[in-house]
Amino acid sequence: MKEEYAPRAKLQDEVDRLARRFKVSTLVILRRMHDAGGLDSERFRAEYVREVARLQALPKGSGGNFHLTLATRTSKRFARALLVSTLEGQTLHRDAFRLLGISKHATFEEFARSLEVG
C-alpha cells in the first residue's frame, strides 16, 4: 500500500484507483491510508462518512442473472452438451443437477431454455 499510494493525487481518484488495484472496497482503502499515515484521524473520519453516504446513494443492482452466471461458470459448450445428454436420457437428471450445481427441475428447464436447448 505504501508503495502504491500517491499522496499528491486527488483523494477520491486515488481511493478509486487503489480499490481497483487491490480489489477491495473504497472503505478498506481509506482505512489502509489512515493506518499507513496518509490520513490523520479527523480527515479519515470525515472521508469515511462521506464515502459511506456516496455508496449508499448508488442505485441498487438487480443481483445479476443466475443463468448467465451458471453458463459462464460451467462454460456454455459443456452446459449445452450436458443438457442435451440429459434430455436425450443418456445422463441422469441427478448427475446433471450435481454437475451444474442446481437442485430444482424448474431451474434445470429454465437454464435449458436460456441456452436454447430442447
N, C-alpha and C. Protein backbone atom coordinates (compact mmCIF):
# COMPACT_ATOMS: atom_id res chain seq x y z
N MET A 1 0.82 -1.19 0.00
CA MET A 1 0.00 0.00 0.00
C MET A 1 0.87 1.26 0.00
N LYS A 2 1.90 1.27 0.84
CA LYS A 2 2.76 2.46 0.93
C LYS A 2 3.46 2.71 -0.40
N GLU A 3 3.81 1.66 -1.12
CA GLU A 3 4.49 1.82 -2.40
C GLU A 3 3.55 2.32 -3.48
N GLU A 4 2.30 1.93 -3.42
CA GLU A 4 1.31 2.28 -4.44
C GLU A 4 0.67 3.64 -4.21
N TYR A 5 0.57 4.06 -2.97
CA TYR A 5 -0.16 5.28 -2.61
C TYR A 5 0.56 6.52 -3.11
N ALA A 6 -0.18 7.35 -3.86
CA ALA A 6 0.35 8.62 -4.36
C ALA A 6 -0.34 9.76 -3.60
N PRO A 7 0.28 10.26 -2.53
CA PRO A 7 -0.40 11.25 -1.68
C PRO A 7 -0.71 12.58 -2.37
N ARG A 8 -0.04 12.89 -3.46
CA ARG A 8 -0.29 14.17 -4.14
C ARG A 8 -1.50 14.10 -5.08
N ALA A 9 -1.99 12.92 -5.35
CA ALA A 9 -3.15 12.76 -6.24
C ALA A 9 -4.42 13.18 -5.51
N LYS A 10 -5.46 13.51 -6.28
CA LYS A 10 -6.77 13.83 -5.70
C LYS A 10 -7.25 12.61 -4.92
N LEU A 11 -7.70 12.81 -3.70
CA LEU A 11 -8.02 11.70 -2.80
C LEU A 11 -9.03 10.72 -3.40
N GLN A 12 -10.15 11.20 -3.93
CA GLN A 12 -11.16 10.28 -4.46
C GLN A 12 -10.63 9.47 -5.63
N ASP A 13 -9.85 10.10 -6.50
CA ASP A 13 -9.26 9.37 -7.63
C ASP A 13 -8.30 8.30 -7.13
N GLU A 14 -7.52 8.64 -6.13
CA GLU A 14 -6.54 7.70 -5.58
C GLU A 14 -7.23 6.55 -4.85
N VAL A 15 -8.28 6.85 -4.13
CA VAL A 15 -9.05 5.81 -3.43
C VAL A 15 -9.66 4.86 -4.45
N ASP A 16 -10.26 5.39 -5.50
CA ASP A 16 -10.86 4.55 -6.54
C ASP A 16 -9.80 3.69 -7.23
N ARG A 17 -8.66 4.29 -7.56
CA ARG A 17 -7.59 3.55 -8.24
C ARG A 17 -7.06 2.41 -7.36
N LEU A 18 -6.81 2.71 -6.10
CA LEU A 18 -6.26 1.68 -5.21
C LEU A 18 -7.28 0.58 -4.93
N ALA A 19 -8.55 0.94 -4.85
CA ALA A 19 -9.59 -0.07 -4.64
C ALA A 19 -9.62 -1.05 -5.82
N ARG A 20 -9.50 -0.52 -7.04
CA ARG A 20 -9.44 -1.40 -8.22
C ARG A 20 -8.16 -2.22 -8.21
N ARG A 21 -7.06 -1.59 -7.87
CA ARG A 21 -5.75 -2.26 -7.88
C ARG A 21 -5.71 -3.44 -6.91
N PHE A 22 -6.22 -3.23 -5.69
CA PHE A 22 -6.16 -4.27 -4.66
C PHE A 22 -7.44 -5.09 -4.55
N LYS A 23 -8.44 -4.75 -5.39
CA LYS A 23 -9.71 -5.47 -5.43
C LYS A 23 -10.39 -5.52 -4.06
N VAL A 24 -10.49 -4.35 -3.44
CA VAL A 24 -11.18 -4.20 -2.16
C VAL A 24 -12.09 -2.98 -2.26
N SER A 25 -12.88 -2.77 -1.24
CA SER A 25 -13.79 -1.62 -1.26
C SER A 25 -13.02 -0.32 -1.00
N THR A 26 -13.65 0.77 -1.37
CA THR A 26 -13.06 2.08 -1.13
C THR A 26 -12.94 2.37 0.36
N LEU A 27 -13.84 1.80 1.16
CA LEU A 27 -13.77 1.98 2.61
C LEU A 27 -12.52 1.31 3.18
N VAL A 28 -12.19 0.15 2.66
CA VAL A 28 -10.96 -0.54 3.09
C VAL A 28 -9.74 0.30 2.74
N ILE A 29 -9.74 0.87 1.56
CA ILE A 29 -8.60 1.70 1.14
C ILE A 29 -8.46 2.92 2.05
N LEU A 30 -9.56 3.57 2.38
CA LEU A 30 -9.49 4.71 3.30
C LEU A 30 -8.88 4.29 4.63
N ARG A 31 -9.30 3.15 5.12
CA ARG A 31 -8.76 2.67 6.41
C ARG A 31 -7.26 2.38 6.30
N ARG A 32 -6.85 1.77 5.20
CA ARG A 32 -5.43 1.46 5.00
C ARG A 32 -4.61 2.74 4.84
N MET A 33 -5.19 3.74 4.19
CA MET A 33 -4.49 5.03 4.07
C MET A 33 -4.27 5.63 5.45
N HIS A 34 -5.30 5.55 6.28
CA HIS A 34 -5.19 6.05 7.65
C HIS A 34 -4.12 5.26 8.42
N ASP A 35 -4.17 3.94 8.33
CA ASP A 35 -3.21 3.09 9.04
C ASP A 35 -1.78 3.35 8.59
N ALA A 36 -1.62 3.68 7.30
CA ALA A 36 -0.28 3.92 6.75
C ALA A 36 0.20 5.35 7.04
N GLY A 37 -0.65 6.16 7.66
CA GLY A 37 -0.25 7.52 7.99
C GLY A 37 -0.55 8.54 6.91
N GLY A 38 -1.30 8.14 5.89
CA GLY A 38 -1.63 9.05 4.80
C GLY A 38 -2.78 9.98 5.12
N LEU A 39 -3.60 9.62 6.10
CA LEU A 39 -4.74 10.45 6.52
C LEU A 39 -4.73 10.55 8.03
N ASP A 40 -4.88 11.77 8.55
CA ASP A 40 -4.99 11.90 10.01
C ASP A 40 -6.38 11.44 10.43
N SER A 41 -6.59 11.23 11.71
CA SER A 41 -7.85 10.67 12.22
C SER A 41 -9.07 11.51 11.86
N GLU A 42 -8.93 12.82 11.96
CA GLU A 42 -10.06 13.70 11.66
C GLU A 42 -10.45 13.62 10.19
N ARG A 43 -9.47 13.69 9.30
CA ARG A 43 -9.77 13.61 7.86
C ARG A 43 -10.28 12.23 7.50
N PHE A 44 -9.70 11.19 8.12
CA PHE A 44 -10.17 9.83 7.85
C PHE A 44 -11.65 9.70 8.19
N ARG A 45 -12.05 10.16 9.38
CA ARG A 45 -13.45 10.05 9.78
C ARG A 45 -14.37 10.81 8.82
N ALA A 46 -13.97 12.00 8.45
CA ALA A 46 -14.79 12.81 7.54
C ALA A 46 -14.92 12.13 6.17
N GLU A 47 -13.81 11.63 5.65
CA GLU A 47 -13.84 10.97 4.34
C GLU A 47 -14.60 9.65 4.40
N TYR A 48 -14.49 8.95 5.51
CA TYR A 48 -15.20 7.68 5.67
C TYR A 48 -16.71 7.91 5.66
N VAL A 49 -17.16 8.90 6.42
CA VAL A 49 -18.60 9.23 6.46
C VAL A 49 -19.08 9.65 5.07
N ARG A 50 -18.29 10.46 4.38
CA ARG A 50 -18.65 10.90 3.03
C ARG A 50 -18.73 9.71 2.08
N GLU A 51 -17.79 8.79 2.18
CA GLU A 51 -17.77 7.62 1.29
C GLU A 51 -18.94 6.68 1.57
N VAL A 52 -19.28 6.49 2.82
CA VAL A 52 -20.45 5.66 3.16
C VAL A 52 -21.70 6.28 2.56
N ALA A 53 -21.85 7.58 2.67
CA ALA A 53 -23.02 8.27 2.09
C ALA A 53 -23.04 8.12 0.58
N ARG A 54 -21.88 8.24 -0.06
CA ARG A 54 -21.80 8.09 -1.52
C ARG A 54 -22.19 6.67 -1.94
N LEU A 55 -21.71 5.67 -1.22
CA LEU A 55 -22.02 4.28 -1.55
C LEU A 55 -23.49 3.97 -1.33
N GLN A 56 -24.07 4.51 -0.29
CA GLN A 56 -25.49 4.27 -0.02
C GLN A 56 -26.38 4.94 -1.06
N ALA A 57 -25.90 6.00 -1.68
CA ALA A 57 -26.69 6.71 -2.69
C ALA A 57 -26.65 6.03 -4.05
N LEU A 58 -25.74 5.08 -4.24
CA LEU A 58 -25.67 4.38 -5.53
C LEU A 58 -26.92 3.55 -5.75
N PRO A 59 -27.39 3.46 -7.00
CA PRO A 59 -28.58 2.65 -7.25
C PRO A 59 -28.30 1.17 -6.99
N LYS A 60 -29.29 0.51 -6.45
CA LYS A 60 -29.16 -0.91 -6.15
C LYS A 60 -29.24 -1.71 -7.45
N GLY A 61 -28.38 -2.71 -7.57
CA GLY A 61 -28.38 -3.57 -8.75
C GLY A 61 -29.46 -4.62 -8.64
N SER A 62 -29.65 -5.34 -9.71
CA SER A 62 -30.68 -6.39 -9.74
C SER A 62 -30.19 -7.68 -9.11
N GLY A 63 -28.88 -7.79 -8.86
CA GLY A 63 -28.37 -9.01 -8.26
C GLY A 63 -27.79 -9.96 -9.29
N GLY A 64 -27.81 -9.59 -10.55
CA GLY A 64 -27.21 -10.45 -11.57
C GLY A 64 -28.20 -11.42 -12.18
N ASN A 65 -27.73 -12.18 -13.14
CA ASN A 65 -28.55 -13.14 -13.85
C ASN A 65 -27.98 -14.53 -13.58
N PHE A 66 -28.73 -15.34 -12.84
CA PHE A 66 -28.26 -16.67 -12.44
C PHE A 66 -27.88 -17.53 -13.65
N HIS A 67 -28.72 -17.51 -14.68
CA HIS A 67 -28.47 -18.39 -15.82
C HIS A 67 -27.23 -17.98 -16.61
N LEU A 68 -27.00 -16.68 -16.76
CA LEU A 68 -25.78 -16.23 -17.44
C LEU A 68 -24.54 -16.58 -16.63
N THR A 69 -24.64 -16.42 -15.32
CA THR A 69 -23.51 -16.76 -14.45
C THR A 69 -23.23 -18.24 -14.49
N LEU A 70 -24.26 -19.06 -14.44
CA LEU A 70 -24.10 -20.52 -14.49
C LEU A 70 -23.48 -20.95 -15.81
N ALA A 71 -23.94 -20.37 -16.92
CA ALA A 71 -23.40 -20.71 -18.23
C ALA A 71 -21.93 -20.33 -18.34
N THR A 72 -21.55 -19.21 -17.76
CA THR A 72 -20.16 -18.78 -17.78
C THR A 72 -19.31 -19.65 -16.88
N ARG A 73 -19.82 -19.97 -15.71
CA ARG A 73 -19.07 -20.76 -14.73
C ARG A 73 -18.79 -22.16 -15.24
N THR A 74 -19.77 -22.77 -15.91
CA THR A 74 -19.59 -24.15 -16.37
C THR A 74 -19.09 -24.23 -17.80
N SER A 75 -19.12 -23.15 -18.52
CA SER A 75 -18.85 -23.00 -19.94
C SER A 75 -20.10 -23.40 -20.72
N LYS A 76 -20.46 -22.56 -21.65
CA LYS A 76 -21.69 -22.79 -22.42
C LYS A 76 -21.61 -24.10 -23.19
N ARG A 77 -20.45 -24.41 -23.71
CA ARG A 77 -20.29 -25.64 -24.51
C ARG A 77 -20.57 -26.87 -23.65
N PHE A 78 -19.96 -26.92 -22.46
CA PHE A 78 -20.19 -28.05 -21.55
C PHE A 78 -21.65 -28.10 -21.12
N ALA A 79 -22.21 -26.96 -20.74
CA ALA A 79 -23.59 -26.92 -20.26
C ALA A 79 -24.55 -27.40 -21.34
N ARG A 80 -24.37 -26.94 -22.57
CA ARG A 80 -25.24 -27.40 -23.67
C ARG A 80 -25.13 -28.90 -23.88
N ALA A 81 -23.90 -29.41 -23.89
CA ALA A 81 -23.69 -30.85 -24.08
C ALA A 81 -24.35 -31.65 -22.96
N LEU A 82 -24.21 -31.19 -21.74
CA LEU A 82 -24.81 -31.88 -20.60
C LEU A 82 -26.34 -31.81 -20.67
N LEU A 83 -26.88 -30.67 -21.02
CA LEU A 83 -28.33 -30.53 -21.14
C LEU A 83 -28.89 -31.45 -22.21
N VAL A 84 -28.25 -31.47 -23.36
CA VAL A 84 -28.70 -32.34 -24.46
C VAL A 84 -28.62 -33.80 -24.04
N SER A 85 -27.50 -34.18 -23.43
CA SER A 85 -27.31 -35.56 -22.98
C SER A 85 -28.39 -35.96 -21.97
N THR A 86 -28.72 -35.05 -21.09
CA THR A 86 -29.74 -35.33 -20.07
C THR A 86 -31.12 -35.42 -20.70
N LEU A 87 -31.43 -34.50 -21.59
CA LEU A 87 -32.75 -34.53 -22.24
C LEU A 87 -32.91 -35.74 -23.15
N GLU A 88 -31.81 -36.26 -23.68
CA GLU A 88 -31.86 -37.47 -24.51
C GLU A 88 -31.88 -38.74 -23.68
N GLY A 89 -31.69 -38.62 -22.37
CA GLY A 89 -31.74 -39.78 -21.49
C GLY A 89 -30.40 -40.46 -21.28
N GLN A 90 -29.32 -39.90 -21.78
CA GLN A 90 -28.00 -40.52 -21.63
C GLN A 90 -27.37 -40.19 -20.27
N THR A 91 -27.77 -39.09 -19.67
CA THR A 91 -27.27 -38.67 -18.36
C THR A 91 -28.46 -38.53 -17.43
N LEU A 92 -28.31 -39.03 -16.21
CA LEU A 92 -29.38 -38.89 -15.22
C LEU A 92 -29.53 -37.44 -14.81
N HIS A 93 -30.77 -37.04 -14.57
CA HIS A 93 -31.02 -35.67 -14.10
C HIS A 93 -30.24 -35.41 -12.81
N ARG A 94 -30.20 -36.39 -11.93
CA ARG A 94 -29.48 -36.25 -10.67
C ARG A 94 -28.01 -35.86 -10.92
N ASP A 95 -27.38 -36.53 -11.88
CA ASP A 95 -25.98 -36.25 -12.19
C ASP A 95 -25.81 -34.87 -12.83
N ALA A 96 -26.74 -34.52 -13.70
CA ALA A 96 -26.68 -33.20 -14.34
C ALA A 96 -26.86 -32.10 -13.30
N PHE A 97 -27.80 -32.28 -12.38
CA PHE A 97 -28.02 -31.29 -11.33
C PHE A 97 -26.75 -31.11 -10.50
N ARG A 98 -26.11 -32.22 -10.16
CA ARG A 98 -24.89 -32.16 -9.35
C ARG A 98 -23.78 -31.44 -10.11
N LEU A 99 -23.61 -31.76 -11.38
CA LEU A 99 -22.55 -31.13 -12.18
C LEU A 99 -22.80 -29.64 -12.39
N LEU A 100 -24.06 -29.25 -12.48
CA LEU A 100 -24.39 -27.85 -12.69
C LEU A 100 -24.54 -27.07 -11.39
N GLY A 101 -24.68 -27.80 -10.29
CA GLY A 101 -24.84 -27.13 -9.01
C GLY A 101 -26.24 -26.57 -8.81
N ILE A 102 -27.24 -27.25 -9.35
CA ILE A 102 -28.63 -26.82 -9.18
C ILE A 102 -29.39 -27.93 -8.46
N SER A 103 -30.55 -27.61 -7.92
CA SER A 103 -31.30 -28.61 -7.16
C SER A 103 -32.75 -28.78 -7.59
N LYS A 104 -33.24 -27.90 -8.43
CA LYS A 104 -34.65 -27.98 -8.82
C LYS A 104 -34.78 -28.25 -10.32
N HIS A 105 -35.78 -29.05 -10.64
CA HIS A 105 -36.04 -29.36 -12.05
C HIS A 105 -36.46 -28.11 -12.81
N ALA A 106 -37.22 -27.24 -12.16
CA ALA A 106 -37.65 -26.00 -12.82
C ALA A 106 -36.45 -25.14 -13.20
N THR A 107 -35.44 -25.10 -12.35
CA THR A 107 -34.22 -24.34 -12.65
C THR A 107 -33.50 -24.96 -13.84
N PHE A 108 -33.47 -26.29 -13.88
CA PHE A 108 -32.86 -27.01 -14.99
C PHE A 108 -33.56 -26.65 -16.31
N GLU A 109 -34.89 -26.66 -16.30
CA GLU A 109 -35.65 -26.33 -17.50
C GLU A 109 -35.44 -24.88 -17.94
N GLU A 110 -35.42 -23.96 -16.97
CA GLU A 110 -35.18 -22.54 -17.29
C GLU A 110 -33.78 -22.36 -17.87
N PHE A 111 -32.81 -23.07 -17.31
CA PHE A 111 -31.44 -22.98 -17.81
C PHE A 111 -31.36 -23.50 -19.23
N ALA A 112 -32.04 -24.62 -19.51
CA ALA A 112 -32.07 -25.17 -20.86
C ALA A 112 -32.69 -24.17 -21.83
N ARG A 113 -33.77 -23.52 -21.43
CA ARG A 113 -34.40 -22.52 -22.29
C ARG A 113 -33.46 -21.33 -22.53
N SER A 114 -32.73 -20.92 -21.49
CA SER A 114 -31.84 -19.78 -21.64
C SER A 114 -30.70 -20.07 -22.61
N LEU A 115 -30.32 -21.35 -22.73
CA LEU A 115 -29.27 -21.73 -23.69
C LEU A 115 -29.85 -22.27 -25.00
N GLU A 116 -31.18 -22.14 -25.12
CA GLU A 116 -31.89 -22.57 -26.33
C GLU A 116 -31.65 -24.04 -26.63
N VAL A 117 -31.76 -24.87 -25.57
CA VAL A 117 -31.62 -26.32 -25.70
C VAL A 117 -32.97 -26.94 -25.41
N GLY A 118 -33.37 -27.86 -26.26
CA GLY A 118 -34.62 -28.59 -26.01
C GLY A 118 -35.74 -27.90 -26.62
